[in-house]
Structure formats: C-alpha cells, structure tokens
C-alpha cells in the first residue's frame, strides 16, 4: 500500500509538518469583490484582513470537485494506491462534498474520506492524532477509528475582538453589531460536532478567558488519559501568549500547543486580534 494524505488549507498545518508527512494541501478560495484567490497561495492573511476592513465584499468557497479529482489523479500517477482525505466540517463548507464527488470519478484508487466536523485548530488536532496512529503502523481504518473517538469529544471556541466581522458576514444585523460594539462585546463562536453557536455575553477578555477555563475544566473530568489543547490567532501573538499563560496557570498539568496563524479563509470570520482555541480527549 502506498498511502498519500490530502488536507484542505483551513487546517493551517505547519510547512515542516506538511513536508515531513508528504501532505498535499488543497486550498479553499477567498473571493474579494468577485475575484477568487487561492487561500494562502494567491493572497495573504494581511491582504484579506485589509479587504475586510476596507468594506470590500469578502467571502469564501470550497474547492470544486474537479480540483479534488485532479489532485487524486496526480497522486495516483505518482504511485498512490490509497488516499486519506481530511476536510473542514461539512456543516461549514462544501469541501467534503466536493471530495466525495471527485472520489467517485477516480477508479482504481482507494480514497478514504474523513469529515473533521471542525476547522482550524480543531481540524489540525484530529489530523495530528490520525497521522500519529498511521506513523505507529496502524491501518487506515484503525487510525480513523481513533480520529472518530476524539472527534466526538472535541470543542473549538473562536473569539472575536468585537461584533464587526459577524456583521460583515451577515450573521448579525448592523444595528445589533453597532450596539454590541458600543458595549464592547467580545463574542465567542463555538463549534461542537459540526454545529455552531454564537455566544455574545462577554464584554472583557477576562470574561472570555474565564469561560474557556470553565469549559476546559468540565471536559477534563471526562478524559481517560489524553487531553490536547491547541490555540491559534489572527495577528495576535502577544495576546495569545498572555491567554495561554493564564489558562496554564489556572489549570495545573495542561500544556497548550500554539499553532501557526489561521488561514485567510478562517480569518475572514475572526477579524484582527481574533483567536481560536480547541481541545479534544479520549
């Protein structure tokens, strides 16, 4: 068996990790005023954020089935007999659907699809866990069974500095966003098992961090042996170092892994100084 791994750009896997495991990254699309750019290839996070705050029309879209088909065919031509394809949550993007359609169009290749039901650090954690099992010599089925277990016990919280990006994305009316910003509301979007919920009762960074600590402590009581926590951000290195330190001091025995900045597609929904923290356990 010659296995190749495919993941989409929202995982924000480090360049070293991608190279070490021979991962093919399929980019999503960032669309600015009608022009499509490949996530993290044709456009940078800073350029996307500049467009968002310049009131350009910014949106995103999944890779087409043809992009996935060509990716699978290329890997097959290079000798792959099996492909493990990991995607952003099917409830957030059509990437999983595109990959599924493409998989039917490539005969003679065993394609194993895995819907993370997450994104950013949440998806990254699951990718690391699954690939670690493969590195141990486990079969694809065994590795995906581990990924499925952790997926059932995973949470990702994404915090915005204010309600502006929610207004721009259409998730919140202009009036509500204006009132919320005047009150300095710092909303949290939670993703659990592919479902999202906006919580907007937090008015200070302290309140946001206290909520994160509360949630982590609850889930720690459910873990058997392994508990992973990752954190990422949108141009807010100093902020997440501070938050990381507060959380680690409040909960003894945990270590938070700092990931690279989120991809431009994810950043569209976070805004400047936003961050995401995810955890999962067995």
C-alpha atoms as a PDB file:
ATOM      1  CA  UNK A   1       0.000   0.000   0.000  1.00  0.00           C
ATOM      2  CA  UNK A   2       1.215   3.463  -0.896  1.00  0.00           C
ATOM      3  CA  UNK A   3      -0.793   5.963   1.158  1.00  0.00           C
ATOM      4  CA  UNK A   4      -0.920   9.694   0.474  1.00  0.00           C
ATOM      5  CA  UNK A   5      -2.618  12.277   2.664  1.00  0.00           C
ATOM      6  CA  UNK A   6      -4.708  15.227   1.483  1.00  0.00           C
ATOM      7  CA  UNK A   7      -5.952  18.056   3.721  1.00  0.00           C
ATOM      8  CA  UNK A   8      -7.520  21.398   2.951  1.00  0.00           C
ATOM      9  CA  UNK A   9      -5.994  24.780   3.706  1.00  0.00           C
ATOM     10  CA  UNK A  10      -8.174  25.562   6.738  1.00  0.00           C
ATOM     11  CA  UNK A  11      -6.154  23.088   8.838  1.00  0.00           C
ATOM     12  CA  UNK A  12      -3.239  25.566   8.787  1.00  0.00           C
ATOM     13  CA  UNK A  13      -0.726  22.741   9.122  1.00  0.00           C
ATOM     14  CA  UNK A  14       2.842  23.958   9.502  1.00  0.00           C
ATOM     15  CA  UNK A  15       5.098  23.809   6.464  1.00  0.00           C
ATOM     16  CA  UNK A  16       7.503  21.461   8.283  1.00  0.00           C
ATOM     17  CA  UNK A  17       4.690  19.073   9.215  1.00  0.00           C
ATOM     18  CA  UNK A  18       3.302  19.044   5.676  1.00  0.00           C
ATOM     19  CA  UNK A  19       6.757  18.322   4.254  1.00  0.00           C
ATOM     20  CA  UNK A  20       7.560  15.625   6.814  1.00  0.00           C
ATOM     21  CA  UNK A  21       4.379  13.690   6.042  1.00  0.00           C
ATOM     22  CA  UNK A  22       4.127  14.406   2.327  1.00  0.00           C
ATOM     23  CA  UNK A  23       0.728  16.028   2.721  1.00  0.00           C
ATOM     24  CA  UNK A  24      -0.991  17.606  -0.271  1.00  0.00           C
ATOM     25  CA  UNK A  25      -2.862  20.759   0.740  1.00  0.00           C
ATOM     26  CA  UNK A  26      -5.941  21.686  -1.289  1.00  0.00           C
ATOM     27  CA  UNK A  27      -6.711  25.406  -0.927  1.00  0.00           C
ATOM     28  CA  UNK A  28     -10.159  26.854  -0.450  1.00  0.00           C
ATOM     29  CA  UNK A  29     -10.994  30.123  -2.217  1.00  0.00           C
ATOM     30  CA  UNK A  30     -11.171  33.656  -0.857  1.00  0.00           C
ATOM     31  CA  UNK A  31     -13.391  35.856  -3.023  1.00  0.00           C
ATOM     32  CA  UNK A  32     -12.863  39.625  -2.852  1.00  0.00           C
ATOM     33  CA  UNK A  33     -15.154  41.840  -4.896  1.00  0.00           C
ATOM     34  CA  UNK A  34     -15.847  38.968  -7.277  1.00  0.00           C
ATOM     35  CA  UNK A  35     -12.230  37.895  -7.783  1.00  0.00           C
ATOM     36  CA  UNK A  36     -11.212  34.450  -6.453  1.00  0.00           C
ATOM     37  CA  UNK A  37      -7.858  33.854  -4.770  1.00  0.00           C
ATOM     38  CA  UNK A  38      -6.399  30.571  -3.530  1.00  0.00           C
ATOM     39  CA  UNK A  39      -6.324  30.518   0.264  1.00  0.00           C
ATOM     40  CA  UNK A  40      -2.799  31.214   1.499  1.00  0.00           C
ATOM     41  CA  UNK A  41      -1.301  30.947  -2.006  1.00  0.00           C
ATOM     42  CA  UNK A  42      -2.531  33.870  -4.080  1.00  0.00           C
ATOM     43  CA  UNK A  43      -3.338  36.035  -1.081  1.00  0.00           C
ATOM     44  CA  UNK A  44      -2.030  36.552   2.437  1.00  0.00           C
ATOM     45  CA  UNK A  45      -3.895  36.820   5.708  1.00  0.00           C
ATOM     46  CA  UNK A  46      -2.976  40.504   5.972  1.00  0.00           C
ATOM     47  CA  UNK A  47      -4.314  41.249   2.482  1.00  0.00           C
ATOM     48  CA  UNK A  48      -7.594  39.534   3.289  1.00  0.00           C
ATOM     49  CA  UNK A  49      -7.971  41.435   6.558  1.00  0.00           C
ATOM     50  CA  UNK A  50      -7.243  44.723   4.798  1.00  0.00           C
ATOM     51  CA  UNK A  51     -10.031  43.920   2.342  1.00  0.00           C
ATOM     52  CA  UNK A  52     -12.470  43.022   5.135  1.00  0.00           C
ATOM     53  CA  UNK A  53     -11.878  46.287   6.988  1.00  0.00           C
ATOM     54  CA  UNK A  54     -11.925  48.311   3.775  1.00  0.00           C
ATOM     55  CA  UNK A  55     -15.537  47.158   3.364  1.00  0.00           C
ATOM     56  CA  UNK A  56     -14.802  45.084   0.292  1.00  0.00           C
ATOM     57  CA  UNK A  57     -17.173  42.208  -0.360  1.00  0.00           C
ATOM     58  CA  UNK A  58     -15.286  39.213   1.031  1.00  0.00           C
ATOM     59  CA  UNK A  59     -16.489  35.627   1.035  1.00  0.00           C
ATOM     60  CA  UNK A  60     -15.097  32.130   0.647  1.00  0.00           C
ATOM     61  CA  UNK A  61     -15.884  28.969  -1.278  1.00  0.00           C
ATOM     62  CA  UNK A  62     -14.854  25.325  -1.297  1.00  0.00           C
ATOM     63  CA  UNK A  63     -12.541  23.711  -3.851  1.00  0.00           C
ATOM     64  CA  UNK A  64     -14.501  22.318  -6.778  1.00  0.00           C
ATOM     65  CA  UNK A  65     -14.895  18.562  -7.321  1.00  0.00           C
ATOM     66  CA  UNK A  66     -12.589  18.956 -10.326  1.00  0.00           C
ATOM     67  CA  UNK A  67      -9.807  20.380  -8.156  1.00  0.00           C
ATOM     68  CA  UNK A  68     -10.051  17.357  -5.889  1.00  0.00           C
ATOM     69  CA  UNK A  69     -10.264  14.985  -8.880  1.00  0.00           C
ATOM     70  CA  UNK A  70      -7.105  16.410 -10.397  1.00  0.00           C
ATOM     71  CA  UNK A  71      -5.371  16.175  -7.014  1.00  0.00           C
ATOM     72  CA  UNK A  72      -6.338  12.500  -6.636  1.00  0.00           C
ATOM     73  CA  UNK A  73      -5.290  11.718 -10.229  1.00  0.00           C
ATOM     74  CA  UNK A  74      -1.913  13.367  -9.721  1.00  0.00           C
ATOM     75  CA  UNK A  75      -1.247  11.335  -6.586  1.00  0.00           C
ATOM     76  CA  UNK A  76      -2.384   8.171  -8.345  1.00  0.00           C
ATOM     77  CA  UNK A  77       0.037   8.884 -11.193  1.00  0.00           C
ATOM     78  CA  UNK A  78       2.783   9.231  -8.584  1.00  0.00           C
ATOM     79  CA  UNK A  79       2.052   5.732  -7.318  1.00  0.00           C
ATOM     80  CA  UNK A  80      -0.578   6.184  -4.615  1.00  0.00           C
ATOM     81  CA  UNK A  81      -2.861   3.204  -4.043  1.00  0.00           C
ATOM     82  CA  UNK A  82      -4.733   4.801  -1.118  1.00  0.00           C
ATOM     83  CA  UNK A  83      -5.555   8.382  -0.213  1.00  0.00           C
ATOM     84  CA  UNK A  84      -6.674   9.699   3.151  1.00  0.00           C
ATOM     85  CA  UNK A  85      -8.565  12.941   2.531  1.00  0.00           C
ATOM     86  CA  UNK A  86      -9.299  15.149   5.550  1.00  0.00           C
ATOM     87  CA  UNK A  87     -11.629  18.130   5.269  1.00  0.00           C
ATOM     88  CA  UNK A  88     -13.095  21.072   7.134  1.00  0.00           C
ATOM     89  CA  UNK A  89     -16.531  20.370   8.627  1.00  0.00           C
ATOM     90  CA  UNK A  90     -19.210  19.568   6.070  1.00  0.00           C
ATOM     91  CA  UNK A  91     -21.515  21.919   8.008  1.00  0.00           C
ATOM     92  CA  UNK A  92     -19.185  24.859   7.364  1.00  0.00           C
ATOM     93  CA  UNK A  93     -18.039  24.208   3.801  1.00  0.00           C
ATOM     94  CA  UNK A  94     -18.798  22.104   0.759  1.00  0.00           C
ATOM     95  CA  UNK A  95     -15.231  20.752   0.667  1.00  0.00           C
ATOM     96  CA  UNK A  96     -16.243  17.300   1.924  1.00  0.00           C
ATOM     97  CA  UNK A  97     -18.970  17.128  -0.702  1.00  0.00           C
ATOM     98  CA  UNK A  98     -16.555  18.124  -3.465  1.00  0.00           C
ATOM     99  CA  UNK A  99     -14.034  15.497  -2.345  1.00  0.00           C
ATOM    100  CA  UNK A 100     -16.787  12.866  -2.181  1.00  0.00           C
ATOM    101  CA  UNK A 101     -17.911  13.606  -5.734  1.00  0.00           C
ATOM    102  CA  UNK A 102     -14.342  13.546  -7.001  1.00  0.00           C
ATOM    103  CA  UNK A 103     -13.607  10.221  -5.291  1.00  0.00           C
ATOM    104  CA  UNK A 104     -16.256   8.535  -7.459  1.00  0.00           C
ATOM    105  CA  UNK A 105     -14.512   9.735 -10.594  1.00  0.00           C
ATOM    106  CA  UNK A 106     -11.113   8.137  -9.910  1.00  0.00           C
ATOM    107  CA  UNK A 107     -11.284   4.359 -10.458  1.00  0.00           C
ATOM    108  CA  UNK A 108      -8.563   2.062  -9.149  1.00  0.00           C
ATOM    109  CA  UNK A 109      -7.766   4.279  -6.160  1.00  0.00           C
ATOM    110  CA  UNK A 110      -8.959   3.665  -2.618  1.00  0.00           C
ATOM    111  CA  UNK A 111      -9.972   7.055  -1.212  1.00  0.00           C
ATOM    112  CA  UNK A 112     -10.792   7.307   2.489  1.00  0.00           C
ATOM    113  CA  UNK A 113     -12.686  10.493   3.379  1.00  0.00           C
ATOM    114  CA  UNK A 114     -12.807  11.954   6.895  1.00  0.00           C
ATOM    115  CA  UNK A 115     -15.057  14.871   7.834  1.00  0.00           C
ATOM    116  CA  UNK A 116     -13.454  16.541  10.859  1.00  0.00           C
ATOM    117  CA  UNK A 117     -16.695  18.373  11.767  1.00  0.00           C
ATOM    118  CA  UNK A 118     -14.323  21.170  12.777  1.00  0.00           C
ATOM    119  CA  UNK A 119     -11.885  23.695  11.347  1.00  0.00           C
ATOM    120  CA  UNK A 120      -8.584  25.430  12.106  1.00  0.00           C
ATOM    121  CA  UNK A 121      -7.028  24.135  15.347  1.00  0.00           C
ATOM    122  CA  UNK A 122      -9.866  21.657  15.837  1.00  0.00           C
ATOM    123  CA  UNK A 123      -9.218  20.017  12.476  1.00  0.00           C
ATOM    124  CA  UNK A 124      -5.454  20.261  12.966  1.00  0.00           C
ATOM    125  CA  UNK A 125      -5.626  18.304  16.227  1.00  0.00           C
ATOM    126  CA  UNK A 126      -7.592  15.500  14.592  1.00  0.00           C
ATOM    127  CA  UNK A 127      -5.172  15.380  11.660  1.00  0.00           C
ATOM    128  CA  UNK A 128      -2.208  15.082  14.045  1.00  0.00           C
ATOM    129  CA  UNK A 129      -3.906  12.302  16.011  1.00  0.00           C
ATOM    130  CA  UNK A 130      -4.862  10.276  12.933  1.00  0.00           C
ATOM    131  CA  UNK A 131      -1.463  10.659  11.282  1.00  0.00           C
ATOM    132  CA  UNK A 132       0.287   9.723  14.547  1.00  0.00           C
ATOM    133  CA  UNK A 133      -1.641   6.444  14.524  1.00  0.00           C
ATOM    134  CA  UNK A 134      -0.559   5.793  10.936  1.00  0.00           C
ATOM    135  CA  UNK A 135       3.045   6.509  11.924  1.00  0.00           C
ATOM    136  CA  UNK A 136       2.697   3.778  14.571  1.00  0.00           C
ATOM    137  CA  UNK A 137       1.852   1.312  11.840  1.00  0.00           C
ATOM    138  CA  UNK A 138      -1.891   1.263  12.392  1.00  0.00           C
ATOM    139  CA  UNK A 139      -4.204   0.612   9.446  1.00  0.00           C
ATOM    140  CA  UNK A 140      -6.227   3.436   7.919  1.00  0.00           C
ATOM    141  CA  UNK A 141      -9.373   2.005   9.499  1.00  0.00           C
ATOM    142  CA  UNK A 142      -7.741   1.846  12.943  1.00  0.00           C
ATOM    143  CA  UNK A 143      -6.380   5.390  12.632  1.00  0.00           C
ATOM    144  CA  UNK A 144      -9.769   6.753  11.568  1.00  0.00           C
ATOM    145  CA  UNK A 145     -11.440   4.969  14.475  1.00  0.00           C
ATOM    146  CA  UNK A 146      -9.152   6.900  16.830  1.00  0.00           C
ATOM    147  CA  UNK A 147      -9.926  10.124  14.960  1.00  0.00           C
ATOM    148  CA  UNK A 148     -13.653   9.443  15.262  1.00  0.00           C
ATOM    149  CA  UNK A 149     -13.382   8.917  19.025  1.00  0.00           C
ATOM    150  CA  UNK A 150     -11.578  12.208  19.544  1.00  0.00           C
ATOM    151  CA  UNK A 151     -13.941  13.970  17.121  1.00  0.00           C
ATOM    152  CA  UNK A 152     -16.837  13.009  19.404  1.00  0.00           C
ATOM    153  CA  UNK A 153     -15.000  14.655  22.289  1.00  0.00           C
ATOM    154  CA  UNK A 154     -13.801  17.852  20.672  1.00  0.00           C
ATOM    155  CA  UNK A 155     -14.615  21.533  21.062  1.00  0.00           C
ATOM    156  CA  UNK A 156     -13.387  24.661  19.347  1.00  0.00           C
ATOM    157  CA  UNK A 157     -14.097  28.187  20.583  1.00  0.00           C
ATOM    158  CA  UNK A 158     -13.350  31.181  18.370  1.00  0.00           C
ATOM    159  CA  UNK A 159     -13.306  34.623  19.953  1.00  0.00           C
ATOM    160  CA  UNK A 160     -13.609  37.927  18.116  1.00  0.00           C
ATOM    161  CA  UNK A 161     -12.427  41.282  19.387  1.00  0.00           C
ATOM    162  CA  UNK A 162     -15.865  42.723  18.590  1.00  0.00           C
ATOM    163  CA  UNK A 163     -19.003  42.067  16.531  1.00  0.00           C
ATOM    164  CA  UNK A 164     -17.764  43.745  13.345  1.00  0.00           C
ATOM    165  CA  UNK A 165     -16.864  40.585  11.414  1.00  0.00           C
ATOM    166  CA  UNK A 166     -20.170  38.960  12.368  1.00  0.00           C
ATOM    167  CA  UNK A 167     -21.963  41.976  10.909  1.00  0.00           C
ATOM    168  CA  UNK A 168     -19.884  41.809   7.734  1.00  0.00           C
ATOM    169  CA  UNK A 169     -20.549  38.085   7.348  1.00  0.00           C
ATOM    170  CA  UNK A 170     -24.292  38.646   7.643  1.00  0.00           C
ATOM    171  CA  UNK A 171     -24.620  36.656  10.864  1.00  0.00           C
ATOM    172  CA  UNK A 172     -25.640  39.735  12.829  1.00  0.00           C
ATOM    173  CA  UNK A 173     -27.651  42.781  11.873  1.00  0.00           C
ATOM    174  CA  UNK A 174     -25.962  46.170  11.580  1.00  0.00           C
ATOM    175  CA  UNK A 175     -27.993  47.576  14.475  1.00  0.00           C
ATOM    176  CA  UNK A 176     -27.143  44.709  16.819  1.00  0.00           C
ATOM    177  CA  UNK A 177     -23.483  44.890  15.834  1.00  0.00           C
ATOM    178  CA  UNK A 178     -23.330  48.633  16.472  1.00  0.00           C
ATOM    179  CA  UNK A 179     -24.952  48.293  19.884  1.00  0.00           C
ATOM    180  CA  UNK A 180     -22.730  45.344  20.729  1.00  0.00           C
ATOM    181  CA  UNK A 181     -19.573  47.202  19.752  1.00  0.00           C
ATOM    182  CA  UNK A 182     -20.604  50.173  21.877  1.00  0.00           C
ATOM    183  CA  UNK A 183     -20.899  47.755  24.795  1.00  0.00           C
ATOM    184  CA  UNK A 184     -17.534  46.212  23.834  1.00  0.00           C
ATOM    185  CA  UNK A 185     -18.990  42.750  23.385  1.00  0.00           C
ATOM    186  CA  UNK A 186     -16.391  40.073  22.556  1.00  0.00           C
ATOM    187  CA  UNK A 187     -18.395  37.172  21.092  1.00  0.00           C
ATOM    188  CA  UNK A 188     -17.438  33.514  21.070  1.00  0.00           C
ATOM    189  CA  UNK A 189     -18.454  31.121  18.309  1.00  0.00           C
ATOM    190  CA  UNK A 190     -18.405  27.517  19.492  1.00  0.00           C
ATOM    191  CA  UNK A 191     -18.153  24.536  17.148  1.00  0.00           C
ATOM    192  CA  UNK A 192     -19.107  21.168  18.604  1.00  0.00           C
ATOM    193  CA  UNK A 193     -19.740  18.137  16.391  1.00  0.00           C
ATOM    194  CA  UNK A 194     -20.204  20.364  13.367  1.00  0.00           C
ATOM    195  CA  UNK A 195     -22.761  22.650  14.989  1.00  0.00           C
ATOM    196  CA  UNK A 196     -22.044  26.284  15.744  1.00  0.00           C
ATOM    197  CA  UNK A 197     -23.486  28.709  18.235  1.00  0.00           C
ATOM    198  CA  UNK A 198     -22.735  32.403  18.803  1.00  0.00           C
ATOM    199  CA  UNK A 199     -22.380  33.495  22.421  1.00  0.00           C
ATOM    200  CA  UNK A 200     -22.183  37.268  22.826  1.00  0.00           C
ATOM    201  CA  UNK A 201     -22.432  37.899  26.549  1.00  0.00           C
ATOM    202  CA  UNK A 202     -18.715  38.525  27.102  1.00  0.00           C
ATOM    203  CA  UNK A 203     -17.551  42.121  27.450  1.00  0.00           C
ATOM    204  CA  UNK A 204     -13.941  41.683  28.560  1.00  0.00           C
ATOM    205  CA  UNK A 205     -11.015  39.455  27.700  1.00  0.00           C
ATOM    206  CA  UNK A 206     -11.043  38.330  31.333  1.00  0.00           C
ATOM    207  CA  UNK A 207     -14.615  37.062  30.979  1.00  0.00           C
ATOM    208  CA  UNK A 208     -13.734  35.232  27.754  1.00  0.00           C
ATOM    209  CA  UNK A 209     -10.754  33.502  29.358  1.00  0.00           C
ATOM    210  CA  UNK A 210     -12.767  32.577  32.449  1.00  0.00           C
ATOM    211  CA  UNK A 211     -15.356  30.902  30.205  1.00  0.00           C
ATOM    212  CA  UNK A 212     -12.645  28.969  28.370  1.00  0.00           C
ATOM    213  CA  UNK A 213     -11.141  27.794  31.656  1.00  0.00           C
ATOM    214  CA  UNK A 214     -14.570  26.741  32.931  1.00  0.00           C
ATOM    215  CA  UNK A 215     -15.260  24.719  29.795  1.00  0.00           C
ATOM    216  CA  UNK A 216     -11.858  23.029  29.781  1.00  0.00           C
ATOM    217  CA  UNK A 217     -12.187  22.037  33.440  1.00  0.00           C
ATOM    218  CA  UNK A 218     -15.545  20.386  32.757  1.00  0.00           C
ATOM    219  CA  UNK A 219     -14.159  18.307  29.896  1.00  0.00           C
ATOM    220  CA  UNK A 220     -11.005  17.404  31.808  1.00  0.00           C
ATOM    221  CA  UNK A 221     -13.170  15.431  34.218  1.00  0.00           C
ATOM    222  CA  UNK A 222     -14.391  13.300  31.283  1.00  0.00           C
ATOM    223  CA  UNK A 223     -10.997  12.452  29.767  1.00  0.00           C
ATOM    224  CA  UNK A 224      -9.487   8.994  30.204  1.00  0.00           C
ATOM    225  CA  UNK A 225      -5.818   9.698  29.594  1.00  0.00           C
ATOM    226  CA  UNK A 226      -5.122  12.120  26.761  1.00  0.00           C
ATOM    227  CA  UNK A 227      -6.219  15.763  26.544  1.00  0.00           C
ATOM    228  CA  UNK A 228      -4.958  18.031  23.758  1.00  0.00           C
ATOM    229  CA  UNK A 229      -5.336  21.823  23.592  1.00  0.00           C
ATOM    230  CA  UNK A 230      -4.304  23.950  20.594  1.00  0.00           C
ATOM    231  CA  UNK A 231      -4.575  27.699  20.122  1.00  0.00           C
ATOM    232  CA  UNK A 232      -4.210  29.946  17.060  1.00  0.00           C
ATOM    233  CA  UNK A 233      -4.868  33.563  16.145  1.00  0.00           C
ATOM    234  CA  UNK A 234      -5.152  36.397  13.647  1.00  0.00           C
ATOM    235  CA  UNK A 235      -2.078  38.599  14.130  1.00  0.00           C
ATOM    236  CA  UNK A 236      -2.344  38.473  17.928  1.00  0.00           C
ATOM    237  CA  UNK A 237       0.815  36.722  19.122  1.00  0.00           C
ATOM    238  CA  UNK A 238       1.227  38.734  22.302  1.00  0.00           C
ATOM    239  CA  UNK A 239      -2.438  38.290  23.187  1.00  0.00           C
ATOM    240  CA  UNK A 240      -2.458  34.513  22.866  1.00  0.00           C
ATOM    241  CA  UNK A 241       0.819  34.193  24.772  1.00  0.00           C
ATOM    242  CA  UNK A 242      -0.881  36.051  27.610  1.00  0.00           C
ATOM    243  CA  UNK A 243      -4.046  33.980  27.404  1.00  0.00           C
ATOM    244  CA  UNK A 244      -2.065  30.745  27.148  1.00  0.00           C
ATOM    245  CA  UNK A 245      -0.166  31.646  30.308  1.00  0.00           C
ATOM    246  CA  UNK A 246      -3.334  32.477  32.244  1.00  0.00           C
ATOM    247  CA  UNK A 247      -5.039  29.218  31.292  1.00  0.00           C
ATOM    248  CA  UNK A 248      -1.999  27.057  32.015  1.00  0.00           C
ATOM    249  CA  UNK A 249      -1.589  28.711  35.410  1.00  0.00           C
ATOM    250  CA  UNK A 250      -5.277  28.215  36.245  1.00  0.00           C
ATOM    251  CA  UNK A 251      -5.311  24.523  35.265  1.00  0.00           C
ATOM    252  CA  UNK A 252      -2.278  22.635  36.515  1.00  0.00           C
ATOM    253  CA  UNK A 253      -0.846  19.869  34.369  1.00  0.00           C
ATOM    254  CA  UNK A 254      -2.008  21.102  30.975  1.00  0.00           C
ATOM    255  CA  UNK A 255       0.100  22.384  28.086  1.00  0.00           C
ATOM    256  CA  UNK A 256      -1.350  24.430  25.241  1.00  0.00           C
ATOM    257  CA  UNK A 257       0.155  23.948  21.788  1.00  0.00           C
ATOM    258  CA  UNK A 258       0.456  27.215  19.834  1.00  0.00           C
ATOM    259  CA  UNK A 259      -0.280  26.682  16.139  1.00  0.00           C
ATOM    260  CA  UNK A 260       0.571  28.912  13.200  1.00  0.00           C
ATOM    261  CA  UNK A 261      -1.819  31.732  12.345  1.00  0.00           C
ATOM    262  CA  UNK A 262      -5.203  30.699  10.990  1.00  0.00           C
ATOM    263  CA  UNK A 263      -5.636  30.570   7.222  1.00  0.00           C
ATOM    264  CA  UNK A 264      -7.032  33.617   5.374  1.00  0.00           C
ATOM    265  CA  UNK A 265     -10.372  31.816   4.846  1.00  0.00           C
ATOM    266  CA  UNK A 266     -10.778  31.273   8.596  1.00  0.00           C
ATOM    267  CA  UNK A 267      -9.540  34.783   9.384  1.00  0.00           C
ATOM    268  CA  UNK A 268     -12.450  36.258   7.421  1.00  0.00           C
ATOM    269  CA  UNK A 269     -14.722  35.030  10.217  1.00  0.00           C
ATOM    270  CA  UNK A 270     -12.477  36.114  13.107  1.00  0.00           C
ATOM    271  CA  UNK A 271     -11.103  39.542  12.292  1.00  0.00           C
ATOM    272  CA  UNK A 272      -7.969  41.190  13.649  1.00  0.00           C
ATOM    273  CA  UNK A 273      -6.900  40.004  17.092  1.00  0.00           C
ATOM    274  CA  UNK A 274      -9.340  37.104  16.998  1.00  0.00           C
ATOM    275  CA  UNK A 275      -8.229  33.708  18.211  1.00  0.00           C
ATOM    276  CA  UNK A 276      -9.366  30.124  18.295  1.00  0.00           C
ATOM    277  CA  UNK A 277      -8.766  27.506  20.961  1.00  0.00           C
ATOM    278  CA  UNK A 278      -9.649  23.869  20.546  1.00  0.00           C
ATOM    279  CA  UNK A 279      -9.365  20.753  22.662  1.00  0.00           C
ATOM    280  CA  UNK A 280     -10.161  17.074  22.404  1.00  0.00           C
ATOM    281  CA  UNK A 281      -9.758  13.976  24.563  1.00  0.00           C
ATOM    282  CA  UNK A 282     -10.151  10.236  24.575  1.00  0.00           C
END
